[in-house]
Amino acid sequence: MSEQLSDTDRKWRKMLADGHPALTVMHHIFRYLPGPPRCKVCHNPFGGVGGKIVGLLGFRPSRKNPQLCHS
């Protein structure tokens, strides 16, 4: 049975299988900043000095799910 995928499904499948370039760059940058806990998706630090630095750039924990970024 052949499965037809929509454009959106193909994009999500590619991103989840191959990775997303912008997200990969963010992982490399944020890993050098101290401050656990971190976002589960982009590894943005929420605590410590790193959390204060990226907080000025607008990266904050989500109000509804504090394990993820709000933006």
PDB file of N, CA and C in Angstrom:
ATOM      1  N   MET A   1       0.841  -1.178   0.000  1.00  0.00           N
ATOM      2  CA  MET A   1       0.000   0.000   0.000  1.00  0.00           C
ATOM      3  C   MET A   1       0.890   1.247   0.000  1.00  0.00           C
ATOM      4  N   SER A   2       0.727   2.106  -0.954  1.00  0.00           N
ATOM      5  CA  SER A   2       1.534   3.308  -1.104  1.00  0.00           C
ATOM      6  C   SER A   2       0.937   4.447  -0.285  1.00  0.00           C
ATOM      7  N   GLU A   3       1.790   5.117   0.430  1.00  0.00           N
ATOM      8  CA  GLU A   3       1.333   6.228   1.286  1.00  0.00           C
ATOM      9  C   GLU A   3       1.718   7.551   0.638  1.00  0.00           C
ATOM     10  N   GLN A   4       0.739   8.426   0.428  1.00  0.00           N
ATOM     11  CA  GLN A   4       0.976   9.742  -0.132  1.00  0.00           C
ATOM     12  C   GLN A   4       1.196  10.726   1.007  1.00  0.00           C
ATOM     13  N   LEU A   5       2.323  11.426   0.983  1.00  0.00           N
ATOM     14  CA  LEU A   5       2.632  12.401   2.013  1.00  0.00           C
ATOM     15  C   LEU A   5       2.411  13.811   1.481  1.00  0.00           C
ATOM     16  N   SER A   6       1.877  14.669   2.325  1.00  0.00           N
ATOM     17  CA  SER A   6       1.719  16.070   1.945  1.00  0.00           C
ATOM     18  C   SER A   6       3.065  16.769   2.047  1.00  0.00           C
ATOM     19  N   ASP A   7       3.145  17.977   1.534  1.00  0.00           N
ATOM     20  CA  ASP A   7       4.394  18.749   1.612  1.00  0.00           C
ATOM     21  C   ASP A   7       4.801  18.974   3.060  1.00  0.00           C
ATOM     22  N   THR A   8       3.826  19.263   3.912  1.00  0.00           N
ATOM     23  CA  THR A   8       4.111  19.491   5.328  1.00  0.00           C
ATOM     24  C   THR A   8       4.670  18.235   5.976  1.00  0.00           C
ATOM     25  N   ASP A   9       4.089  17.093   5.670  1.00  0.00           N
ATOM     26  CA  ASP A   9       4.589  15.828   6.226  1.00  0.00           C
ATOM     27  C   ASP A   9       6.009  15.548   5.762  1.00  0.00           C
ATOM     28  N   ARG A  10       6.293  15.816   4.493  1.00  0.00           N
ATOM     29  CA  ARG A  10       7.651  15.602   3.981  1.00  0.00           C
ATOM     30  C   ARG A  10       8.663  16.514   4.679  1.00  0.00           C
ATOM     31  N   LYS A  11       8.268  17.781   4.904  1.00  0.00           N
ATOM     32  CA  LYS A  11       9.173  18.726   5.582  1.00  0.00           C
ATOM     33  C   LYS A  11       9.453  18.282   7.016  1.00  0.00           C
ATOM     34  N   TRP A  12       8.406  17.863   7.744  1.00  0.00           N
ATOM     35  CA  TRP A  12       8.597  17.403   9.121  1.00  0.00           C
ATOM     36  C   TRP A  12       9.462  16.143   9.156  1.00  0.00           C
ATOM     37  N   ARG A  13       9.197  15.218   8.246  1.00  0.00           N
ATOM     38  CA  ARG A  13       9.982  13.982   8.220  1.00  0.00           C
ATOM     39  C   ARG A  13      11.458  14.283   7.963  1.00  0.00           C
ATOM     40  N   LYS A  14      11.730  15.199   7.018  1.00  0.00           N
ATOM     41  CA  LYS A  14      13.116  15.578   6.712  1.00  0.00           C
ATOM     42  C   LYS A  14      13.771  16.257   7.915  1.00  0.00           C
ATOM     43  N   MET A  15      13.042  17.175   8.568  1.00  0.00           N
ATOM     44  CA  MET A  15      13.611  17.886   9.715  1.00  0.00           C
ATOM     45  C   MET A  15      13.905  16.927  10.870  1.00  0.00           C
ATOM     46  N   LEU A  16      13.000  16.004  11.143  1.00  0.00           N
ATOM     47  CA  LEU A  16      13.202  15.082  12.259  1.00  0.00           C
ATOM     48  C   LEU A  16      14.266  14.048  11.953  1.00  0.00           C
ATOM     49  N   ALA A  17      14.406  13.651  10.697  1.00  0.00           N
ATOM     50  CA  ALA A  17      15.403  12.640  10.328  1.00  0.00           C
ATOM     51  C   ALA A  17      16.792  13.256  10.124  1.00  0.00           C
ATOM     52  N   ASP A  18      16.851  14.404   9.439  1.00  0.00           N
ATOM     53  CA  ASP A  18      18.139  15.006   9.090  1.00  0.00           C
ATOM     54  C   ASP A  18      18.570  16.122  10.021  1.00  0.00           C
ATOM     55  N   GLY A  19      17.638  16.707  10.746  1.00  0.00           N
ATOM     56  CA  GLY A  19      17.966  17.835  11.607  1.00  0.00           C
ATOM     57  C   GLY A  19      17.617  19.144  10.927  1.00  0.00           C
ATOM     58  N   HIS A  20      17.606  20.200  11.708  1.00  0.00           N
ATOM     59  CA  HIS A  20      17.289  21.532  11.206  1.00  0.00           C
ATOM     60  C   HIS A  20      18.545  22.386  11.366  1.00  0.00           C
ATOM     61  N   PRO A  21      19.046  23.026  10.304  1.00  0.00           N
ATOM     62  CA  PRO A  21      20.319  23.766  10.384  1.00  0.00           C
ATOM     63  C   PRO A  21      20.342  24.835  11.473  1.00  0.00           C
ATOM     64  N   ALA A  22      19.282  25.617  11.611  1.00  0.00           N
ATOM     65  CA  ALA A  22      19.272  26.676  12.631  1.00  0.00           C
ATOM     66  C   ALA A  22      19.307  26.084  14.035  1.00  0.00           C
ATOM     67  N   LEU A  23      18.605  24.990  14.242  1.00  0.00           N
ATOM     68  CA  LEU A  23      18.585  24.340  15.551  1.00  0.00           C
ATOM     69  C   LEU A  23      19.954  23.751  15.887  1.00  0.00           C
ATOM     70  N   THR A  24      20.633  23.213  14.897  1.00  0.00           N
ATOM     71  CA  THR A  24      21.972  22.671  15.102  1.00  0.00           C
ATOM     72  C   THR A  24      22.948  23.763  15.504  1.00  0.00           C
ATOM     73  N   VAL A  25      22.852  24.919  14.862  1.00  0.00           N
ATOM     74  CA  VAL A  25      23.722  26.054  15.207  1.00  0.00           C
ATOM     75  C   VAL A  25      23.450  26.500  16.645  1.00  0.00           C
ATOM     76  N   MET A  26      22.161  26.566  17.027  1.00  0.00           N
ATOM     77  CA  MET A  26      21.811  26.980  18.391  1.00  0.00           C
ATOM     78  C   MET A  26      22.365  25.985  19.410  1.00  0.00           C
ATOM     79  N   HIS A  27      22.326  24.698  19.125  1.00  0.00           N
ATOM     80  CA  HIS A  27      22.887  23.697  20.032  1.00  0.00           C
ATOM     81  C   HIS A  27      24.369  23.960  20.260  1.00  0.00           C
ATOM     82  N   HIS A  28      25.102  24.253  19.175  1.00  0.00           N
ATOM     83  CA  HIS A  28      26.538  24.497  19.292  1.00  0.00           C
ATOM     84  C   HIS A  28      26.850  25.755  20.095  1.00  0.00           C
ATOM     85  N   ILE A  29      26.043  26.780  19.962  1.00  0.00           N
ATOM     86  CA  ILE A  29      26.281  28.023  20.699  1.00  0.00           C
ATOM     87  C   ILE A  29      25.895  27.873  22.167  1.00  0.00           C
ATOM     88  N   PHE A  30      24.700  27.336  22.431  1.00  0.00           N
ATOM     89  CA  PHE A  30      24.183  27.263  23.792  1.00  0.00           C
ATOM     90  C   PHE A  30      24.932  26.271  24.666  1.00  0.00           C
ATOM     91  N   ARG A  31      25.626  25.300  24.079  1.00  0.00           N
ATOM     92  CA  ARG A  31      26.308  24.309  24.920  1.00  0.00           C
ATOM     93  C   ARG A  31      27.455  24.929  25.729  1.00  0.00           C
ATOM     94  N   TYR A  32      27.982  26.059  25.277  1.00  0.00           N
ATOM     95  CA  TYR A  32      29.085  26.698  25.986  1.00  0.00           C
ATOM     96  C   TYR A  32      28.626  27.647  27.090  1.00  0.00           C
ATOM     97  N   LEU A  33      27.317  27.907  27.163  1.00  0.00           N
ATOM     98  CA  LEU A  33      26.790  28.791  28.195  1.00  0.00           C
ATOM     99  C   LEU A  33      26.349  27.970  29.402  1.00  0.00           C
ATOM    100  N   PRO A  34      26.827  28.318  30.600  1.00  0.00           N
ATOM    101  CA  PRO A  34      26.406  27.570  31.786  1.00  0.00           C
ATOM    102  C   PRO A  34      24.986  27.945  32.184  1.00  0.00           C
ATOM    103  N   GLY A  35      24.307  27.048  32.846  1.00  0.00           N
ATOM    104  CA  GLY A  35      23.006  27.414  33.373  1.00  0.00           C
ATOM    105  C   GLY A  35      21.903  26.392  33.242  1.00  0.00           C
ATOM    106  N   PRO A  36      22.082  25.197  33.803  1.00  0.00           N
ATOM    107  CA  PRO A  36      20.938  24.279  33.823  1.00  0.00           C
ATOM    108  C   PRO A  36      19.859  24.830  34.733  1.00  0.00           C
ATOM    109  N   PRO A  37      18.624  24.581  34.524  1.00  0.00           N
ATOM    110  CA  PRO A  37      18.010  23.697  33.534  1.00  0.00           C
ATOM    111  C   PRO A  37      18.016  24.323  32.148  1.00  0.00           C
ATOM    112  N   ARG A  38      17.789  23.485  31.142  1.00  0.00           N
ATOM    113  CA  ARG A  38      17.829  23.919  29.748  1.00  0.00           C
ATOM    114  C   ARG A  38      16.553  23.543  29.016  1.00  0.00           C
ATOM    115  N   CYS A  39      16.308  24.235  27.903  1.00  0.00           N
ATOM    116  CA  CYS A  39      15.184  23.909  27.025  1.00  0.00           C
ATOM    117  C   CYS A  39      15.415  22.519  26.435  1.00  0.00           C
ATOM    118  N   LYS A  40      14.383  21.717  26.365  1.00  0.00           N
ATOM    119  CA  LYS A  40      14.501  20.355  25.849  1.00  0.00           C
ATOM    120  C   LYS A  40      14.678  20.323  24.335  1.00  0.00           C
ATOM    121  N   VAL A  41      14.382  21.410  23.631  1.00  0.00           N
ATOM    122  CA  VAL A  41      14.499  21.427  22.174  1.00  0.00           C
ATOM    123  C   VAL A  41      15.807  22.071  21.721  1.00  0.00           C
ATOM    124  N   CYS A  42      16.069  23.301  22.166  1.00  0.00           N
ATOM    125  CA  CYS A  42      17.236  24.036  21.656  1.00  0.00           C
ATOM    126  C   CYS A  42      18.396  24.100  22.645  1.00  0.00           C
ATOM    127  N   HIS A  43      18.240  23.553  23.825  1.00  0.00           N
ATOM    128  CA  HIS A  43      19.269  23.533  24.878  1.00  0.00           C
ATOM    129  C   HIS A  43      19.638  24.922  25.380  1.00  0.00           C
ATOM    130  N   ASN A  44      18.732  25.858  25.236  1.00  0.00           N
ATOM    131  CA  ASN A  44      18.905  27.202  25.761  1.00  0.00           C
ATOM    132  C   ASN A  44      18.952  27.136  27.290  1.00  0.00           C
ATOM    133  N   PRO A  45      19.957  27.747  27.931  1.00  0.00           N
ATOM    134  CA  PRO A  45      19.995  27.729  29.392  1.00  0.00           C
ATOM    135  C   PRO A  45      18.949  28.670  29.985  1.00  0.00           C
ATOM    136  N   PHE A  46      18.286  28.222  31.033  1.00  0.00           N
ATOM    137  CA  PHE A  46      17.309  29.047  31.727  1.00  0.00           C
ATOM    138  C   PHE A  46      17.849  29.596  33.036  1.00  0.00           C
ATOM    139  N   GLY A  47      18.818  28.937  33.625  1.00  0.00           N
ATOM    140  CA  GLY A  47      19.340  29.343  34.921  1.00  0.00           C
ATOM    141  C   GLY A  47      20.755  29.872  34.818  1.00  0.00           C
ATOM    142  N   GLY A  48      21.262  30.379  35.910  1.00  0.00           N
ATOM    143  CA  GLY A  48      22.638  30.844  35.999  1.00  0.00           C
ATOM    144  C   GLY A  48      22.933  32.043  35.116  1.00  0.00           C
ATOM    145  N   VAL A  49      24.219  32.246  34.871  1.00  0.00           N
ATOM    146  CA  VAL A  49      24.683  33.378  34.068  1.00  0.00           C
ATOM    147  C   VAL A  49      24.203  33.255  32.627  1.00  0.00           C
ATOM    148  N   GLY A  50      24.257  32.028  32.072  1.00  0.00           N
ATOM    149  CA  GLY A  50      23.803  31.814  30.692  1.00  0.00           C
ATOM    150  C   GLY A  50      22.340  32.158  30.516  1.00  0.00           C
ATOM    151  N   GLY A  51      21.519  31.831  31.509  1.00  0.00           N
ATOM    152  CA  GLY A  51      20.098  32.140  31.447  1.00  0.00           C
ATOM    153  C   GLY A  51      19.845  33.632  31.448  1.00  0.00           C
ATOM    154  N   LYS A  52      20.642  34.373  32.195  1.00  0.00           N
ATOM    155  CA  LYS A  52      20.487  35.833  32.216  1.00  0.00           C
ATOM    156  C   LYS A  52      20.896  36.448  30.871  1.00  0.00           C
ATOM    157  N   ILE A  53      21.948  35.910  30.279  1.00  0.00           N
ATOM    158  CA  ILE A  53      22.423  36.442  28.996  1.00  0.00           C
ATOM    159  C   ILE A  53      21.389  36.212  27.899  1.00  0.00           C
ATOM    160  N   VAL A  54      20.921  34.969  27.762  1.00  0.00           N
ATOM    161  CA  VAL A  54      19.959  34.687  26.689  1.00  0.00           C
ATOM    162  C   VAL A  54      18.569  35.226  27.026  1.00  0.00           C
ATOM    163  N   GLY A  55      18.290  35.461  28.306  1.00  0.00           N
ATOM    164  CA  GLY A  55      17.029  36.091  28.689  1.00  0.00           C
ATOM    165  C   GLY A  55      16.926  37.505  28.144  1.00  0.00           C
ATOM    166  N   LEU A  56      18.049  38.187  28.062  1.00  0.00           N
ATOM    167  CA  LEU A  56      18.063  39.530  27.481  1.00  0.00           C
ATOM    168  C   LEU A  56      17.758  39.493  25.985  1.00  0.00           C
ATOM    169  N   LEU A  57      18.038  38.348  25.357  1.00  0.00           N
ATOM    170  CA  LEU A  57      17.770  38.185  23.926  1.00  0.00           C
ATOM    171  C   LEU A  57      16.355  37.681  23.662  1.00  0.00           C
ATOM    172  N   GLY A  58      15.590  37.435  24.728  1.00  0.00           N
ATOM    173  CA  GLY A  58      14.202  37.026  24.560  1.00  0.00           C
ATOM    174  C   GLY A  58      13.935  35.549  24.763  1.00  0.00           C
ATOM    175  N   PHE A  59      14.944  34.764  25.095  1.00  0.00           N
ATOM    176  CA  PHE A  59      14.753  33.332  25.331  1.00  0.00           C
ATOM    177  C   PHE A  59      14.367  33.121  26.782  1.00  0.00           C
ATOM    178  N   ARG A  60      13.129  32.737  27.007  1.00  0.00           N
ATOM    179  CA  ARG A  60      12.627  32.490  28.362  1.00  0.00           C
ATOM    180  C   ARG A  60      11.847  31.180  28.378  1.00  0.00           C
ATOM    181  N   PRO A  61      11.681  30.579  29.562  1.00  0.00           N
ATOM    182  CA  PRO A  61      10.854  29.370  29.636  1.00  0.00           C
ATOM    183  C   PRO A  61       9.396  29.692  29.335  1.00  0.00           C
ATOM    184  N   SER A  62       8.722  28.750  28.732  1.00  0.00           N
ATOM    185  CA  SER A  62       7.299  28.903  28.450  1.00  0.00           C
ATOM    186  C   SER A  62       6.514  28.895  29.752  1.00  0.00           C
ATOM    187  N   ARG A  63       5.464  29.684  29.790  1.00  0.00           N
ATOM    188  CA  ARG A  63       4.612  29.736  30.982  1.00  0.00           C
ATOM    189  C   ARG A  63       3.839  28.434  31.135  1.00  0.00           C
ATOM    190  N   LYS A  64       3.427  27.837  30.019  1.00  0.00           N
ATOM    191  CA  LYS A  64       2.608  26.621  30.064  1.00  0.00           C
ATOM    192  C   LYS A  64       3.450  25.359  30.197  1.00  0.00           C
ATOM    193  N   ASN A  65       4.670  25.337  29.642  1.00  0.00           N
ATOM    194  CA  ASN A  65       5.555  24.202  29.775  1.00  0.00           C
ATOM    195  C   ASN A  65       6.967  24.727  30.039  1.00  0.00           C
ATOM    196  N   PRO A  66       7.378  24.810  31.288  1.00  0.00           N
ATOM    197  CA  PRO A  66       8.675  25.436  31.612  1.00  0.00           C
ATOM    198  C   PRO A  66       9.889  24.652  31.139  1.00  0.00           C
ATOM    199  N   GLN A  67       9.698  23.494  30.526  1.00  0.00           N
ATOM    200  CA  GLN A  67      10.838  22.742  29.983  1.00  0.00           C
ATOM    201  C   GLN A  67      11.169  23.153  28.561  1.00  0.00           C
ATOM    202  N   LEU A  68      10.355  24.057  27.973  1.00  0.00           N
ATOM    203  CA  LEU A  68      10.552  24.525  26.609  1.00  0.00           C
ATOM    204  C   LEU A  68      10.638  26.043  26.577  1.00  0.00           C
ATOM    205  N   CYS A  69      11.248  26.573  25.506  1.00  0.00           N
ATOM    206  CA  CYS A  69      11.307  28.016  25.308  1.00  0.00           C
ATOM    207  C   CYS A  69       9.933  28.561  24.964  1.00  0.00           C
ATOM    208  N   HIS A  70       9.731  29.810  25.280  1.00  0.00           N
ATOM    209  CA  HIS A  70       8.442  30.435  24.980  1.00  0.00           C
ATOM    210  C   HIS A  70       8.393  30.945  23.551  1.00  0.00           C
ATOM    211  N   SER A  71       9.547  31.188  22.942  1.00  0.00           N
ATOM    212  CA  SER A  71       9.524  31.685  21.560  1.00  0.00           C
ATOM    213  C   SER A  71      10.158  30.723  20.604  1.00  0.00           C
TER     214      SER A  71
END
